[in-house]
Amino acid sequence: MIKHCLKIAIRNLVKYKVQSAVSILGLAVGFVCFSLSLYWIHYEMTYDHFR
């Protein structure tokens, strides 16, 4: 079943190259923004803690 799903996914990636590239790039940018937001929130929450 997994093999079948991967085969379909690869075929769609090859068939719709531009749409796939835009989607993957958008997902990557979203992950980067999310991780930077978490880093900034962590920094702001721990700013006044004297360790």
C-alpha atoms as a PDB file:
ATOM      1  CA  MET A   1       0.000   0.000   0.000  1.00  0.00           C
ATOM      2  CA  ILE A   2       2.770   2.437   0.918  1.00  0.00           C
ATOM      3  CA  LYS A   3       4.657   1.513  -2.246  1.00  0.00           C
ATOM      4  CA  HIS A   4       1.573   2.319  -4.307  1.00  0.00           C
ATOM      5  CA  CYS A   5       1.079   5.694  -2.586  1.00  0.00           C
ATOM      6  CA  LEU A   6       4.736   6.631  -3.079  1.00  0.00           C
ATOM      7  CA  LYS A   7       4.530   5.708  -6.754  1.00  0.00           C
ATOM      8  CA  ILE A   8       1.500   7.964  -7.233  1.00  0.00           C
ATOM      9  CA  ALA A   9       3.176  10.794  -5.299  1.00  0.00           C
ATOM     10  CA  ILE A  10       6.326  10.590  -7.425  1.00  0.00           C
ATOM     11  CA  ARG A  11       4.287  10.536 -10.633  1.00  0.00           C
ATOM     12  CA  ASN A  12       2.400  13.647  -9.529  1.00  0.00           C
ATOM     13  CA  LEU A  13       5.626  15.421  -8.564  1.00  0.00           C
ATOM     14  CA  VAL A  14       7.063  14.714 -12.004  1.00  0.00           C
ATOM     15  CA  LYS A  15       3.848  15.619 -13.843  1.00  0.00           C
ATOM     16  CA  TYR A  16       3.207  18.898 -12.011  1.00  0.00           C
ATOM     17  CA  LYS A  17       6.756  20.190 -11.556  1.00  0.00           C
ATOM     18  CA  VAL A  18       6.040  23.893 -11.083  1.00  0.00           C
ATOM     19  CA  GLN A  19       3.131  23.400  -8.722  1.00  0.00           C
ATOM     20  CA  SER A  20       5.159  20.877  -6.720  1.00  0.00           C
ATOM     21  CA  ALA A  21       8.140  23.223  -6.496  1.00  0.00           C
ATOM     22  CA  VAL A  22       5.963  26.097  -5.302  1.00  0.00           C
ATOM     23  CA  SER A  23       4.255  23.887  -2.740  1.00  0.00           C
ATOM     24  CA  ILE A  24       7.510  22.469  -1.381  1.00  0.00           C
ATOM     25  CA  LEU A  25       9.096  25.921  -1.264  1.00  0.00           C
ATOM     26  CA  GLY A  26       6.062  27.317   0.542  1.00  0.00           C
ATOM     27  CA  LEU A  27       6.179  24.491   3.068  1.00  0.00           C
ATOM     28  CA  ALA A  28       9.888  25.091   3.671  1.00  0.00           C
ATOM     29  CA  VAL A  29       9.343  28.830   4.176  1.00  0.00           C
ATOM     30  CA  GLY A  30       6.490  28.078   6.562  1.00  0.00           C
ATOM     31  CA  PHE A  31       8.666  25.760   8.646  1.00  0.00           C
ATOM     32  CA  VAL A  32      11.444  28.357   8.773  1.00  0.00           C
ATOM     33  CA  CYS A  33       9.048  31.101   9.880  1.00  0.00           C
ATOM     34  CA  PHE A  34       7.535  28.815  12.500  1.00  0.00           C
ATOM     35  CA  SER A  35      10.917  27.839  13.925  1.00  0.00           C
ATOM     36  CA  LEU A  36      12.128  31.448  14.002  1.00  0.00           C
ATOM     37  CA  SER A  37       8.900  32.460  15.746  1.00  0.00           C
ATOM     38  CA  LEU A  38       9.395  29.752  18.365  1.00  0.00           C
ATOM     39  CA  TYR A  39      13.002  30.886  18.872  1.00  0.00           C
ATOM     40  CA  TRP A  40      11.921  34.510  19.301  1.00  0.00           C
ATOM     41  CA  ILE A  41       9.115  33.578  21.718  1.00  0.00           C
ATOM     42  CA  HIS A  42      11.558  31.479  23.751  1.00  0.00           C
ATOM     43  CA  TYR A  43      13.981  34.412  23.855  1.00  0.00           C
ATOM     44  CA  GLU A  44      11.262  36.821  24.978  1.00  0.00           C
ATOM     45  CA  MET A  45       9.949  34.446  27.644  1.00  0.00           C
ATOM     46  CA  THR A  46      13.400  33.873  29.165  1.00  0.00           C
ATOM     47  CA  TYR A  47      14.690  37.444  28.933  1.00  0.00           C
ATOM     48  CA  ASP A  48      14.227  38.365  32.609  1.00  0.00           C
ATOM     49  CA  HIS A  49      15.395  35.079  34.099  1.00  0.00           C
ATOM     50  CA  PHE A  50      18.732  35.503  35.816  1.00  0.00           C
ATOM     51  CA  ARG A  51      20.457  32.142  35.882  1.00  0.00           C
END
